[in-house]
Amino acid sequence: MNSFNPKDSLASKSNRTIAEYLRLIGDDDAALRFSDTGVAGQGLSRFLGGQDQYAYSGILMGFIPSGSKGKALQIQSAFELDPDMDLKGARIKITLDKFYVANFPGTGTHSILCEFTGKNQLSEAAEEMRFAVSTTANDRSSAAISGAPIFLGVSVGQDGIAFEGRTVNVASSDDTLLMDALGSDAFRNGLALLTSAQPALKPFVGLAGSVVKAIAGRNKNRQIYAFKLGLDFAGGATSARLREGSYIVVQADDGVFDWSAHTWNSDARSVVETATGEPIDFNYMVFGVSRFST
């Protein structure tokens, strides 16, 4: 499996490097905030006035149990769950239910590439899983994605499952055809993994990886965020447990964040501050985990 290196993300770069990239794609106002002459400057806070959330590199994880009903659903920390031991050896599906963009590099409508990779651990061999989808979104809005199947029929091992994801800002106009290819049905519907490794899928997986690599390698395109998501059956305080439900992956740095002060607004389909009803000011994705029905 090709791992996504968090060090390749824009947030892992120096303020000067971030400013250079922002100028390259025409976002001069944001570049000033990261420059030595800007308000932020080197070594100072990157996040002034609710801007530049793409410069976070850490992860927060919330969870909404399967079957939750109501207009305002309580969110709990994914690290405080009890695992569903019945999922050991079961087959599940993972869907991308929401991608909210609080702020991304550049101006106007953003073209964004989302890529996910993992392994389906079978008794005979480990089968690579890969899914890529292109989308667009403005700041403080959601991408037009809901229930997109990422991985179907994944076999849950004795230690749970794991997969990785990343977002890539696509600012090069030369990549229109490649982005259109990733928006086709073949890519958008994901890989339906059966009970044994399928050699016919390997060229498809390789093609998806090649297309994404070609796009991510362009000078004006940049990996914005990368994360690793492990869902297991252990009882440790530092890992997330596997259950059926919705996992909320928030692009944010470590710090004080109280999930009990936030709820899922079912009408708006978004994470909001309970006291104000306002959407949270972070980029985040919501992944659905459920049993796979053949």
Foldseek 3Di string as FASTA:
>chain_A
DDADDLCQALLVDFLQVNLVLLVVLPNNVLSLLSDCNHPQHGPGDSAPPLADLLNFADKFKWWFAPPDDDQWGFIHGLLPDAADQVLAQFWKWKFFAWWFAQYDRDDDKWKKKKKKWFWQDAPVHIAIFIAMAIFIDHHGGITPGGGFTREAGRTAHQFGTKMKMWMKTQSDPVCPVLNVVSHDPVRRNTDHDDNDDDPVCVVVRVVVVVSVVVRCPDPSMGIRYMDMATAGNDNDSPHGHDDFGKMKIWRHYDDDDDSRQWTQRPVVRAIAGNVPRHGDSTTIIMMGMDGHDD
